[in-house]
C-alpha atoms as a PDB file:
ATOM      1  CA  MET A   1       3.869  16.299 -13.173  1.00  0.00           C
ATOM      2  CA  LYS A   2       6.066  14.679 -10.289  1.00  0.00           C
ATOM      3  CA  SER A   3       8.879  16.851 -11.133  1.00  0.00           C
ATOM      4  CA  ASP A   4       6.934  20.282 -11.090  1.00  0.00           C
ATOM      5  CA  LEU A   5       5.635  19.006  -7.686  1.00  0.00           C
ATOM      6  CA  LEU A   6       9.108  18.736  -5.961  1.00  0.00           C
ATOM      7  CA  ILE A   7      10.293  21.811  -7.592  1.00  0.00           C
ATOM      8  CA  ASP A   8       7.373  24.045  -6.521  1.00  0.00           C
ATOM      9  CA  HIS A   9       6.702  22.300  -3.381  1.00  0.00           C
ATOM     10  CA  GLY A  10       9.600  20.423  -1.485  1.00  0.00           C
ATOM     11  CA  VAL A  11      10.087  16.534  -1.210  1.00  0.00           C
ATOM     12  CA  PRO A  12       7.344  14.460   0.227  1.00  0.00           C
ATOM     13  CA  ILE A  13       7.487  12.920   3.870  1.00  0.00           C
ATOM     14  CA  ARG A  14       8.404   9.299   3.303  1.00  0.00           C
ATOM     15  CA  GLN A  15       6.692   6.906   6.072  1.00  0.00           C
ATOM     16  CA  PHE A  16       8.327   3.639   6.585  1.00  0.00           C
ATOM     17  CA  SER A  17       6.017   0.467   7.145  1.00  0.00           C
ATOM     18  CA  VAL A  18       7.959  -1.755   9.179  1.00  0.00           C
ATOM     19  CA  MET A  19       6.108  -5.317  10.222  1.00  0.00           C
ATOM     20  CA  LEU A  20       7.706  -6.353  13.880  1.00  0.00           C
ATOM     21  CA  ALA A  21       7.091  -9.588  15.670  1.00  0.00           C
ATOM     22  CA  ASN A  22       4.820  -8.939  18.588  1.00  0.00           C
ATOM     23  CA  ARG A  23       7.404  -9.339  21.399  1.00  0.00           C
ATOM     24  CA  VAL A  24       8.102  -6.837  23.993  1.00  0.00           C
ATOM     25  CA  GLY A  25      11.020  -4.764  22.913  1.00  0.00           C
ATOM     26  CA  THR A  26      11.028  -5.012  19.418  1.00  0.00           C
ATOM     27  CA  LEU A  27       9.859  -1.425  18.689  1.00  0.00           C
ATOM     28  CA  ALA A  28      12.484  -0.360  21.441  1.00  0.00           C
ATOM     29  CA  ALA A  29      15.441  -2.246  19.786  1.00  0.00           C
ATOM     30  CA  MET A  30      14.333  -0.712  16.408  1.00  0.00           C
ATOM     31  CA  LEU A  31      14.496   3.012  17.628  1.00  0.00           C
ATOM     32  CA  LYS A  32      17.752   2.264  19.330  1.00  0.00           C
ATOM     33  CA  LEU A  33      19.129   1.098  16.290  1.00  0.00           C
ATOM     34  CA  LEU A  34      17.858   4.179  14.085  1.00  0.00           C
ATOM     35  CA  ARG A  35      19.414   6.444  17.393  1.00  0.00           C
ATOM     36  CA  ALA A  36      22.812   5.112  16.789  1.00  0.00           C
ATOM     37  CA  SER A  37      22.815   6.498  13.636  1.00  0.00           C
ATOM     38  CA  GLY A  38      21.476  10.104  14.852  1.00  0.00           C
ATOM     39  CA  ILE A  39      18.069   9.284  13.182  1.00  0.00           C
ATOM     40  CA  GLU A  40      15.130  10.737  15.093  1.00  0.00           C
ATOM     41  CA  VAL A  41      11.777   9.268  14.636  1.00  0.00           C
ATOM     42  CA  LEU A  42       9.428  12.439  14.331  1.00  0.00           C
ATOM     43  CA  GLY A  43       6.039  10.463  13.733  1.00  0.00           C
ATOM     44  CA  LEU A  44       4.794   6.787  15.210  1.00  0.00           C
ATOM     45  CA  SER A  45       1.992   4.956  14.447  1.00  0.00           C
ATOM     46  CA  LEU A  46       1.512   1.634  15.541  1.00  0.00           C
ATOM     47  CA  GLN A  47      -1.255  -1.121  14.362  1.00  0.00           C
ATOM     48  CA  ASP A  48      -1.067  -4.108  16.558  1.00  0.00           C
ATOM     49  CA  SER A  49      -2.538  -7.827  15.985  1.00  0.00           C
ATOM     50  CA  ARG A  50      -1.995 -10.739  17.725  1.00  0.00           C
ATOM     51  CA  ASP A  51       1.153 -12.075  15.967  1.00  0.00           C
ATOM     52  CA  ALA A  52       2.449  -8.569  14.758  1.00  0.00           C
ATOM     53  CA  THR A  53       2.757  -5.517  14.729  1.00  0.00           C
ATOM     54  CA  VAL A  54       3.060  -2.721  11.800  1.00  0.00           C
ATOM     55  CA  ALA A  55       4.884   0.631  12.691  1.00  0.00           C
ATOM     56  CA  ARG A  56       4.266   3.539  10.745  1.00  0.00           C
ATOM     57  CA  LEU A  57       7.417   6.013  11.275  1.00  0.00           C
ATOM     58  CA  VAL A  58       8.194   9.580  10.071  1.00  0.00           C
ATOM     59  CA  VAL A  59      12.036  10.083  10.579  1.00  0.00           C
ATOM     60  CA  SER A  60      14.533  12.934  10.103  1.00  0.00           C
ATOM     61  CA  ASP A  61      16.508  11.149   7.815  1.00  0.00           C
ATOM     62  CA  PRO A  62      15.102   8.753   5.484  1.00  0.00           C
ATOM     63  CA  GLU A  63      17.717   8.238   3.244  1.00  0.00           C
ATOM     64  CA  THR A  64      20.033   6.865   6.078  1.00  0.00           C
ATOM     65  CA  THR A  65      17.049   4.564   7.757  1.00  0.00           C
ATOM     66  CA  GLU A  66      16.611   3.118   4.337  1.00  0.00           C
ATOM     67  CA  GLN A  67      20.122   2.199   3.964  1.00  0.00           C
ATOM     68  CA  ILE A  68      20.071   0.937   7.320  1.00  0.00           C
ATOM     69  CA  PHE A  69      16.867  -1.355   6.766  1.00  0.00           C
ATOM     70  CA  MET A  70      18.626  -2.934   3.892  1.00  0.00           C
ATOM     71  CA  GLU A  71      22.014  -3.782   5.502  1.00  0.00           C
ATOM     72  CA  LYS A  72      19.976  -5.319   8.785  1.00  0.00           C
ATOM     73  CA  GLY A  73      17.755  -6.880   6.224  1.00  0.00           C
ATOM     74  CA  ILE A  74      14.471  -5.397   7.850  1.00  0.00           C
ATOM     75  CA  SER A  75      11.512  -5.369   5.402  1.00  0.00           C
ATOM     76  CA  TYR A  76       9.847  -2.170   4.906  1.00  0.00           C
ATOM     77  CA  ALA A  77       7.449  -0.528   2.567  1.00  0.00           C
ATOM     78  CA  LEU A  78       7.553   3.312   1.512  1.00  0.00           C
ATOM     79  CA  CYS A  79       4.570   5.770   0.874  1.00  0.00           C
ATOM     80  CA  GLU A  80       4.451   9.466   0.470  1.00  0.00           C
ATOM     81  CA  LEU A  81       2.420  11.634   2.935  1.00  0.00           C
ATOM     82  CA  ILE A  82       0.893  15.087   3.217  1.00  0.00           C
ATOM     83  CA  VAL A  83       1.829  16.859   6.422  1.00  0.00           C
ATOM     84  CA  VAL A  84      -0.040  19.762   7.385  1.00  0.00           C
ATOM     85  CA  SER A  85       0.949  22.114  10.022  1.00  0.00           C
ATOM     86  CA  LEU A  86      -1.924  23.073  12.306  1.00  0.00           C
ATOM     87  CA  ARG A  87      -2.115  26.026  14.616  1.00  0.00           C
ATOM     88  CA  GLU A  88      -4.468  26.817  17.417  1.00  0.00           C
ATOM     89  CA  THR A  89      -5.993  29.860  15.227  1.00  0.00           C
ATOM     90  CA  GLY A  90      -6.856  29.713  11.811  1.00  0.00           C
ATOM     91  CA  PRO A  91      -7.575  26.712   9.686  1.00  0.00           C
ATOM     92  CA  GLY A  92      -7.746  23.594  12.073  1.00  0.00           C
ATOM     93  CA  LEU A  93      -8.413  19.621  11.412  1.00  0.00           C
ATOM     94  CA  LEU A  94     -12.000  19.821  10.692  1.00  0.00           C
ATOM     95  CA  GLN A  95     -11.242  22.648   7.905  1.00  0.00           C
ATOM     96  CA  CYS A  96      -8.701  20.546   6.487  1.00  0.00           C
ATOM     97  CA  LEU A  97     -10.613  17.351   5.858  1.00  0.00           C
ATOM     98  CA  GLU A  98     -13.387  19.370   5.110  1.00  0.00           C
ATOM     99  CA  SER A  99     -11.485  20.719   2.357  1.00  0.00           C
ATOM    100  CA  LEU A 100     -10.221  17.578   1.057  1.00  0.00           C
ATOM    101  CA  MET A 101     -13.911  16.122   1.568  1.00  0.00           C
ATOM    102  CA  ILE A 102     -15.158  18.779  -0.630  1.00  0.00           C
ATOM    103  CA  ALA A 103     -12.633  17.778  -3.592  1.00  0.00           C
ATOM    104  CA  GLU A 104     -13.882  14.597  -3.002  1.00  0.00           C
ATOM    105  CA  THR A 105     -10.646  12.938  -2.199  1.00  0.00           C
ATOM    106  CA  ASN A 106      -9.980  10.260   0.417  1.00  0.00           C
ATOM    107  CA  VAL A 107      -7.780   9.877   3.408  1.00  0.00           C
ATOM    108  CA  ASP A 108      -6.827   6.137   3.686  1.00  0.00           C
ATOM    109  CA  PHE A 109      -5.004   7.010   7.489  1.00  0.00           C
ATOM    110  CA  ALA A 110      -3.982   9.769   9.277  1.00  0.00           C
ATOM    111  CA  TYR A 111      -1.860  10.445  12.703  1.00  0.00           C
ATOM    112  CA  ALA A 112      -0.194  13.289  14.370  1.00  0.00           C
ATOM    113  CA  LEU A 113       3.274  13.644  14.390  1.00  0.00           C
ATOM    114  CA  LEU A 114       5.375  14.530  17.539  1.00  0.00           C
ATOM    115  CA  PRO A 115       5.470  18.458  18.392  1.00  0.00           C
ATOM    116  CA  CYS A 116       7.903  20.566  15.909  1.00  0.00           C
ATOM    117  CA  ALA A 117      10.202  23.055  17.214  1.00  0.00           C
ATOM    118  CA  HIS A 118       7.769  25.959  16.335  1.00  0.00           C
ATOM    119  CA  GLY A 119       5.006  24.405  18.394  1.00  0.00           C
ATOM    120  CA  HIS A 120       2.704  23.774  16.043  1.00  0.00           C
ATOM    121  CA  SER A 121       0.974  20.090  15.667  1.00  0.00           C
ATOM    122  CA  MET A 122       1.409  18.536  12.612  1.00  0.00           C
ATOM    123  CA  LEU A 123      -0.841  15.776  11.105  1.00  0.00           C
ATOM    124  CA  ALA A 124       0.167  13.290   8.403  1.00  0.00           C
ATOM    125  CA  MET A 125      -2.084  11.732   5.882  1.00  0.00           C
ATOM    126  CA  HIS A 126      -1.886   9.283   3.338  1.00  0.00           C
ATOM    127  CA  VAL A 127      -4.715  10.216   0.416  1.00  0.00           C
ATOM    128  CA  GLU A 128      -5.624   8.560  -2.850  1.00  0.00           C
ATOM    129  CA  ASP A 129      -4.225  10.939  -4.771  1.00  0.00           C
ATOM    130  CA  TYR A 130      -0.765  12.829  -3.516  1.00  0.00           C
ATOM    131  CA  GLU A 131      -0.678  15.514  -6.150  1.00  0.00           C
ATOM    132  CA  PHE A 132      -4.258  16.803  -6.224  1.00  0.00           C
ATOM    133  CA  ALA A 133      -4.291  16.892  -2.324  1.00  0.00           C
ATOM    134  CA  VAL A 134      -1.762  19.192  -1.968  1.00  0.00           C
ATOM    135  CA  ALA A 135      -3.190  21.202  -4.707  1.00  0.00           C
ATOM    136  CA  ILE A 136      -6.185  21.464  -2.642  1.00  0.00           C
ATOM    137  CA  LEU A 137      -4.278  22.014   0.398  1.00  0.00           C
ATOM    138  CA  HIS A 138      -2.662  24.774  -1.035  1.00  0.00           C
ATOM    139  CA  GLN A 139      -5.332  26.574  -2.376  1.00  0.00           C
ATOM    140  CA  SER A 140      -7.119  26.138   0.774  1.00  0.00           C
ATOM    141  CA  GLY A 141      -4.650  28.104   2.671  1.00  0.00           C
ATOM    142  CA  PHE A 142      -2.999  25.114   4.536  1.00  0.00           C
ATOM    143  CA  LYS A 143       0.836  25.183   5.162  1.00  0.00           C
ATOM    144  CA  LEU A 144       2.530  21.765   4.115  1.00  0.00           C
ATOM    145  CA  VAL A 145       5.604  20.516   5.580  1.00  0.00           C
ATOM    146  CA  TYR A 146       7.996  18.530   3.207  1.00  0.00           C
ATOM    147  CA  GLN A 147      10.941  16.320   4.033  1.00  0.00           C
ATOM    148  CA  ASN A 148      13.329  19.613   4.378  1.00  0.00           C
ATOM    149  CA  ASP A 149      11.234  20.927   6.624  1.00  0.00           C
ATOM    150  CA  ILE A 150      11.861  18.181   9.217  1.00  0.00           C
ATOM    151  CA  SER A 151      15.014  16.642   8.441  1.00  0.00           C
ATOM    152  CA  ARG A 152      17.594  17.838  11.026  1.00  0.00           C
END
């Protein structure tokens, strides 16, 4: 079924989760490393604790990012995100979440991405069942965004 998903809808957006030391400049250093290779960070969520920070990143070029992280010995985890394009008119955040609630699928976490070139807001979500949530949101009329839509 996963190959059908890729053909029908597109390649899912992948999120990198990176554990960073909780020191001044650590995040900036990682972003400079990516920027040096022409990679843009399109989404960012930080979860801070006393000793470390988990940075969740959506990037313009996940393949090169993965290569850089491997070469530099930066530990990371990957997961697939559903990204919904939200307009000021039409279906919005509440309707999106209600569609998933009615279908009884859980959202593990969510965060907004940086504004896209078309001016739409984008919501990134990690859900318990990616394929099911994609089908529900498509049936509900939402425009989903895939990696080829954000890669530059």
